[in-house]
C-alpha atoms as a PDB file:
ATOM      1  CA  MET A   1     123.392  13.538 -11.145  1.00  0.00           C
ATOM      2  CA  THR A   2     122.982  15.950 -14.004  1.00  0.00           C
ATOM      3  CA  THR A   3     119.211  14.825 -13.660  1.00  0.00           C
ATOM      4  CA  ARG A   4     119.162  15.568 -10.162  1.00  0.00           C
ATOM      5  CA  LEU A   5     120.576  19.202 -10.611  1.00  0.00           C
ATOM      6  CA  ILE A   6     118.156  19.819 -13.208  1.00  0.00           C
ATOM      7  CA  VAL A   7     115.231  18.606 -11.177  1.00  0.00           C
ATOM      8  CA  VAL A   8     116.335  20.736  -8.167  1.00  0.00           C
ATOM      9  CA  LEU A   9     116.574  23.883 -10.715  1.00  0.00           C
ATOM     10  CA  VAL A  10     113.221  23.489 -12.112  1.00  0.00           C
ATOM     11  CA  VAL A  11     111.649  23.029  -8.689  1.00  0.00           C
ATOM     12  CA  ALA A  12     113.528  25.805  -7.247  1.00  0.00           C
ATOM     13  CA  ALA A  13     112.499  27.673 -10.557  1.00  0.00           C
ATOM     14  CA  MET A  14     108.895  27.005  -9.857  1.00  0.00           C
ATOM     15  CA  VAL A  15     109.050  27.852  -6.100  1.00  0.00           C
ATOM     16  CA  VAL A  16     110.425  31.487  -7.003  1.00  0.00           C
ATOM     17  CA  GLY A  17     107.508  31.903  -9.498  1.00  0.00           C
ATOM     18  CA  ALA A  18     104.800  30.836  -7.257  1.00  0.00           C
ATOM     19  CA  VAL A  19     106.622  33.654  -4.643  1.00  0.00           C
ATOM     20  CA  LEU A  20     106.530  36.344  -6.962  1.00  0.00           C
ATOM     21  CA  VAL A  21     103.102  35.659  -8.422  1.00  0.00           C
ATOM     22  CA  LEU A  22     101.709  35.732  -4.562  1.00  0.00           C
ATOM     23  CA  ARG A  23     103.575  39.037  -3.759  1.00  0.00           C
ATOM     24  CA  ARG A  24     101.639  40.370  -6.640  1.00  0.00           C
ATOM     25  CA  ARG A  25      98.112  39.348  -5.476  1.00  0.00           C
ATOM     26  CA  PRO A  26      96.214  42.052  -3.490  1.00  0.00           C
ATOM     27  CA  LEU A  27      96.447  41.426   0.024  1.00  0.00           C
ATOM     28  CA  VAL A  28      92.577  42.916   0.468  1.00  0.00           C
ATOM     29  CA  SER A  29      89.517  42.360  -1.369  1.00  0.00           C
ATOM     30  CA  ALA A  30      87.825  45.735  -2.910  1.00  0.00           C
ATOM     31  CA  ARG A  31      84.222  46.041  -3.675  1.00  0.00           C
ATOM     32  CA  PRO A  32      81.814  48.897  -4.125  1.00  0.00           C
ATOM     33  CA  ILE A  33      79.809  49.954  -1.219  1.00  0.00           C
ATOM     34  CA  ASP A  34      76.660  52.399  -0.611  1.00  0.00           C
ATOM     35  CA  ALA A  35      78.282  54.365   1.881  1.00  0.00           C
ATOM     36  CA  SER A  36      75.592  57.005   2.144  1.00  0.00           C
ATOM     37  CA  GLY A  37      75.971  58.838   5.111  1.00  0.00           C
ATOM     38  CA  LEU A  38      79.696  59.439   4.982  1.00  0.00           C
ATOM     39  CA  THR A  39      81.218  62.369   3.663  1.00  0.00           C
ATOM     40  CA  SER A  40      84.042  61.721   1.082  1.00  0.00           C
ATOM     41  CA  GLY A  41      87.562  60.971   2.527  1.00  0.00           C
ATOM     42  CA  VAL A  42      89.235  57.694   3.897  1.00  0.00           C
ATOM     43  CA  TYR A  43      87.860  55.919   6.993  1.00  0.00           C
ATOM     44  CA  LEU A  44      90.006  53.417   8.726  1.00  0.00           C
ATOM     45  CA  LEU A  45      87.255  50.810  10.299  1.00  0.00           C
ATOM     46  CA  THR A  46      88.951  49.068  13.387  1.00  0.00           C
ATOM     47  CA  SER A  47      88.396  47.448  16.500  1.00  0.00           C
ATOM     48  CA  ASP A  48      89.921  47.952  19.933  1.00  0.00           C
ATOM     49  CA  GLU A  49      92.964  45.712  20.757  1.00  0.00           C
ATOM     50  CA  CYS A  50      93.425  44.470  17.219  1.00  0.00           C
ATOM     51  CA  ASP A  51      97.194  43.966  16.169  1.00  0.00           C
ATOM     52  CA  THR A  52      96.265  44.313  12.837  1.00  0.00           C
ATOM     53  CA  CYS A  53      94.638  47.279  13.241  1.00  0.00           C
ATOM     54  CA  ILE A  54      97.404  49.197  14.746  1.00  0.00           C
ATOM     55  CA  ARG A  55      99.433  48.298  11.554  1.00  0.00           C
ATOM     56  CA  ALA A  56      96.766  49.446   9.339  1.00  0.00           C
ATOM     57  CA  ARG A  57      96.759  52.816  11.161  1.00  0.00           C
ATOM     58  CA  ASN A  58     100.532  53.129  10.880  1.00  0.00           C
ATOM     59  CA  GLU A  59     100.358  52.372   7.140  1.00  0.00           C
ATOM     60  CA  LEU A  60      97.964  54.931   6.519  1.00  0.00           C
ATOM     61  CA  VAL A  61     100.077  57.403   8.678  1.00  0.00           C
ATOM     62  CA  ARG A  62     103.169  56.520   7.123  1.00  0.00           C
ATOM     63  CA  ARG A  63     101.648  57.252   3.168  1.00  0.00           C
ATOM     64  CA  GLY A  64     100.681  60.231   4.729  1.00  0.00           C
ATOM     65  CA  VAL A  65      96.716  59.500   3.734  1.00  0.00           C
ATOM     66  CA  PRO A  66      94.237  61.740   6.076  1.00  0.00           C
ATOM     67  CA  HIS A  67      91.681  59.474   7.087  1.00  0.00           C
ATOM     68  CA  THR A  68      88.999  59.368   9.831  1.00  0.00           C
ATOM     69  CA  GLU A  69      88.972  56.389  12.621  1.00  0.00           C
ATOM     70  CA  LEU A  70      85.737  54.283  13.144  1.00  0.00           C
ATOM     71  CA  SER A  71      85.922  51.789  16.013  1.00  0.00           C
ATOM     72  CA  TRP A  72      83.453  49.053  16.332  1.00  0.00           C
ATOM     73  CA  GLN A  73      82.855  49.706  19.919  1.00  0.00           C
ATOM     74  CA  LYS A  74      82.236  53.440  19.450  1.00  0.00           C
ATOM     75  CA  ASN A  75      80.618  53.289  15.965  1.00  0.00           C
ATOM     76  CA  PRO A  76      78.441  50.120  16.023  1.00  0.00           C
ATOM     77  CA  ASP A  77      75.621  51.955  14.115  1.00  0.00           C
ATOM     78  CA  VAL A  78      78.103  52.373  11.212  1.00  0.00           C
ATOM     79  CA  PHE A  79      79.723  49.000  11.224  1.00  0.00           C
ATOM     80  CA  GLU A  80      75.860  47.453  11.167  1.00  0.00           C
ATOM     81  CA  ARG A  81      74.342  49.964   8.483  1.00  0.00           C
ATOM     82  CA  LEU A  82      77.356  49.334   6.250  1.00  0.00           C
ATOM     83  CA  ARG A  83      77.613  45.489   7.058  1.00  0.00           C
ATOM     84  CA  ILE A  84      81.162  45.416   7.525  1.00  0.00           C
ATOM     85  CA  ASP A  85      82.109  42.548   9.100  1.00  0.00           C
ATOM     86  CA  ALA A  86      85.915  42.484   9.166  1.00  0.00           C
ATOM     87  CA  VAL A  87      88.705  44.954  10.555  1.00  0.00           C
ATOM     88  CA  PRO A  88      91.116  46.579   9.819  1.00  0.00           C
ATOM     89  CA  SER A  89      88.912  47.675   6.705  1.00  0.00           C
ATOM     90  CA  VAL A  90      89.429  50.905   4.589  1.00  0.00           C
ATOM     91  CA  ILE A  91      86.526  52.569   2.774  1.00  0.00           C
ATOM     92  CA  GLU A  92      87.139  55.352   0.435  1.00  0.00           C
ATOM     93  CA  VAL A  93      84.451  57.769  -0.261  1.00  0.00           C
ATOM     94  CA  ALA A  94      84.744  59.972  -3.444  1.00  0.00           C
ATOM     95  CA  ALA A  95      83.171  63.310  -3.699  1.00  0.00           C
ATOM     96  CA  ASP A  96      80.331  61.889  -6.054  1.00  0.00           C
ATOM     97  CA  GLY A  97      79.361  59.851  -3.248  1.00  0.00           C
ATOM     98  CA  SER A  98      80.783  56.551  -4.641  1.00  0.00           C
ATOM     99  CA  ALA A  99      82.612  54.332  -2.361  1.00  0.00           C
ATOM    100  CA  THR A 100      84.701  51.608  -2.255  1.00  0.00           C
ATOM    101  CA  TRP A 101      85.392  48.774   0.763  1.00  0.00           C
ATOM    102  CA  TRP A 102      88.627  47.125   1.027  1.00  0.00           C
ATOM    103  CA  ARG A 103      88.098  44.089   3.682  1.00  0.00           C
ATOM    104  CA  GLY A 104      90.819  43.323   5.167  1.00  0.00           C
ATOM    105  CA  GLY A 105      93.286  45.968   5.302  1.00  0.00           C
ATOM    106  CA  VAL A 106      94.877  48.732   3.537  1.00  0.00           C
ATOM    107  CA  PRO A 107      95.340  48.550  -0.090  1.00  0.00           C
ATOM    108  CA  ARG A 108      98.397  49.113  -1.954  1.00  0.00           C
ATOM    109  CA  ARG A 109      96.887  51.833  -4.094  1.00  0.00           C
ATOM    110  CA  LEU A 110      94.678  54.186  -2.643  1.00  0.00           C
ATOM    111  CA  HIS A 111      92.960  57.092  -4.437  1.00  0.00           C
ATOM    112  CA  ARG A 112      92.544  60.503  -2.428  1.00  0.00           C
ATOM    113  CA  PRO A 113      89.207  61.510  -2.740  1.00  0.00           C
ATOM    114  CA  GLY A 114      87.914  64.836  -2.764  1.00  0.00           C
END
């Protein structure tokens, strides 16, 4: 009986540990991008009728992050030029012109360029 209890506790501890590790992993991937043509600021890239895009917009508003929204339907040239292939995505353009693209959503930590 005690052996079973020990096994159950070890398995439970492993599951809890795995959940904690996975929660710390970033939900979105970041990479530098050439965002020439965009002024400094935060850009939310969306598509019409994208529920995840609505949640991303609400998250930026909740955090008080000023941003410009660009939709695939209204700004296809930007998506093509920057090779954006996922929405929602966030692009952060710094004052020096460097930019980071977070593919797949809003990053946990977002700098406020400018």
